[in-house]
Protein backbone atom coordinates (compact mmCIF):
# COMPACT_ATOMS: atom_id res chain seq x y z
CA MET A 1 33.67 -30.78 -7.13
CA LYS A 2 30.95 -29.01 -9.34
CA LEU A 3 30.49 -25.33 -8.95
CA GLY A 4 26.57 -24.47 -8.58
CA GLY A 5 25.14 -21.04 -9.86
CA VAL A 6 25.76 -17.40 -8.69
CA HIS A 7 24.74 -18.01 -4.51
CA HIS A 8 25.05 -13.92 -3.89
CA LEU A 9 26.61 -10.61 -5.29
CA ALA A 10 28.14 -8.65 -2.22
CA LEU A 11 29.12 -4.47 -2.43
CA VAL A 12 30.77 -2.57 0.02
CA VAL A 13 29.01 0.85 -0.27
CA ARG A 14 29.71 3.92 0.69
CA ASP A 15 25.59 5.13 1.26
CA LEU A 16 23.70 1.98 3.07
CA ALA A 17 20.11 3.25 2.75
CA ALA A 18 20.99 5.84 -0.90
CA MET A 19 22.18 2.22 -2.33
CA THR A 20 18.79 0.17 -0.99
CA ARG A 21 16.58 3.05 -2.34
CA PHE A 22 18.51 2.41 -5.53
CA TYR A 23 17.67 -1.03 -5.61
CA ALA A 24 14.99 -1.78 -3.77
CA ASP A 25 12.43 0.84 -4.66
CA GLY A 26 14.44 2.32 -7.75
CA LEU A 27 14.95 -1.17 -9.47
CA GLY A 28 11.93 -3.37 -7.20
CA LEU A 29 14.44 -6.11 -5.91
CA ALA A 30 12.80 -7.29 -2.79
CA VAL A 31 14.27 -6.90 0.62
CA VAL A 32 15.44 -9.94 2.52
CA ARG A 33 17.21 -9.83 4.96
CA ARG A 34 18.07 -6.78 6.45
CA TRP A 35 21.42 -7.00 9.34
CA ASP A 36 22.80 -3.78 11.90
CA ASP A 37 25.92 -4.22 13.95
CA ALA A 38 26.90 -4.37 16.80
CA ALA A 39 25.51 -1.04 18.18
CA GLY A 40 22.46 -1.08 16.87
CA ALA A 41 23.35 0.31 12.94
CA PRO A 42 21.89 -1.03 9.88
CA ARG A 43 25.11 -3.29 7.95
CA ALA A 44 23.46 -4.87 5.20
CA VAL A 45 20.64 -5.68 3.48
CA TRP A 46 20.42 -8.93 1.76
CA LEU A 47 18.04 -8.25 -2.36
CA ALA A 48 16.69 -11.13 -4.31
CA LEU A 49 17.98 -12.04 -7.92
CA ASP A 50 16.40 -14.65 -7.31
CA ASP A 51 15.21 -17.84 -6.25
CA HIS A 52 18.57 -18.33 -4.31
CA ALA A 53 21.09 -16.00 -5.22
CA PHE A 54 21.18 -12.56 -3.80
CA LEU A 55 22.87 -8.51 -3.72
CA ALA A 56 23.73 -8.32 -0.80
CA LEU A 57 24.60 -4.02 0.09
CA GLU A 58 27.70 -3.15 3.18
CA ARG A 59 28.91 -1.04 4.47
CA PRO A 60 32.83 -1.57 4.82
CA ALA A 61 33.50 -2.81 8.03
CA SER A 62 36.02 0.10 9.28
CA ALA A 63 35.43 4.33 7.96
CA GLU A 64 37.78 4.85 5.40
CA THR A 65 36.62 5.65 1.67
CA ARG A 66 38.22 4.18 -1.83
CA GLY A 67 38.26 5.84 -5.09
CA ARG A 68 35.66 4.58 -7.40
CA ARG A 69 37.28 1.91 -10.40
CA ALA A 70 37.47 3.25 -13.66
CA ASP A 71 36.15 0.96 -16.18
CA GLY A 72 39.44 0.10 -16.95
CA ASP A 73 40.11 -1.60 -13.93
CA GLU A 74 41.46 -4.79 -13.40
CA GLY A 75 38.36 -6.42 -11.20
CA TRP A 76 35.17 -6.62 -11.71
CA HIS A 77 33.70 -4.62 -14.15
CA ALA A 78 30.16 -5.19 -14.11
CA VAL A 79 26.78 -6.70 -12.63
CA ALA A 80 24.65 -8.30 -15.52
CA LEU A 81 21.17 -8.80 -14.29
CA SER A 82 18.44 -10.83 -16.16
CA ILE A 83 15.73 -9.81 -17.95
CA ALA A 84 13.29 -10.50 -20.14
CA ARG A 85 13.99 -8.92 -24.54
CA GLU A 86 10.15 -7.70 -23.63
CA GLU A 87 11.01 -5.66 -21.00
CA ARG A 88 13.92 -3.70 -22.33
CA GLU A 89 11.61 -0.46 -23.05
CA ALA A 90 10.39 -0.66 -19.36
CA VAL A 91 13.86 -1.31 -17.90
CA ARG A 92 15.11 1.74 -20.12
CA GLU A 93 12.56 3.88 -19.20
CA ARG A 94 12.70 2.99 -15.44
CA LEU A 95 15.67 3.80 -14.73
CA ARG A 96 14.63 7.15 -16.31
CA ALA A 97 13.27 7.77 -14.38
CA ILE A 98 15.28 7.09 -11.87
CA GLY A 99 17.81 9.19 -12.69
CA ALA A 100 20.55 6.10 -13.98
CA PRO A 101 19.18 6.46 -17.27
CA VAL A 102 21.43 3.83 -19.76
CA GLU A 103 24.89 4.96 -20.79
CA ARG A 104 25.65 2.58 -23.59
CA GLU A 105 23.62 -0.59 -25.13
CA SER A 106 23.63 -2.96 -26.86
CA PRO A 107 21.85 -5.58 -29.31
CA TYR A 108 21.86 -7.22 -26.08
CA THR A 109 22.75 -5.32 -23.02
CA LEU A 110 21.25 -1.69 -21.72
CA TYR A 111 24.04 -0.31 -19.16
CA ALA A 112 23.67 2.78 -16.39
CA ARG A 113 25.57 3.18 -13.05
CA ASP A 114 24.06 2.89 -9.54
CA PRO A 115 24.40 6.22 -6.79
CA GLU A 116 27.34 4.99 -6.55
CA GLY A 117 28.64 4.97 -9.51
CA ASN A 118 28.41 1.33 -10.24
CA LEU A 119 27.84 -0.82 -14.03
CA VAL A 120 24.95 -2.62 -13.59
CA ALA A 121 23.50 -4.16 -16.98
CA PHE A 122 20.57 -5.32 -18.23
CA SER A 123 20.52 -8.48 -20.60
CA HIS A 124 18.33 -10.32 -22.38
CA TYR A 125 21.01 -12.06 -24.24
CA PRO A 126 21.06 -14.25 -26.22
CA ASP A 127 18.03 -12.82 -27.92
CA ALA A 128 18.57 -9.53 -29.72
CA ALA A 129 16.15 -6.65 -29.91
CA PRO A 130 14.31 -6.37 -32.95
């Protein structure tokens, strides 16, 4: 068996419209497909990450709302999206402009939160910032 790259990431969200605005309108990820439930209400939005992988924003199967995980909890910590080192400051400005300022950074990565508090990283590793 040989595993390839990432096919897609799925994120269950409380507010599908707000999260779509953040990732599609705010960050510029292209909408690949929209899915409706049996009643015709929006159920999921797929956003392109590259030529093959996508981010799936999905409403939960039930109306139950779960709390946010703390950074130290077990499980996925962050989603890291690739950026070019030369785009670092433009990404920082775009995040500030959409109300998601950088909350911490390393020489390789900027970290911010989406509208539901998920940690999103923007990384240009292994090229360190000047």
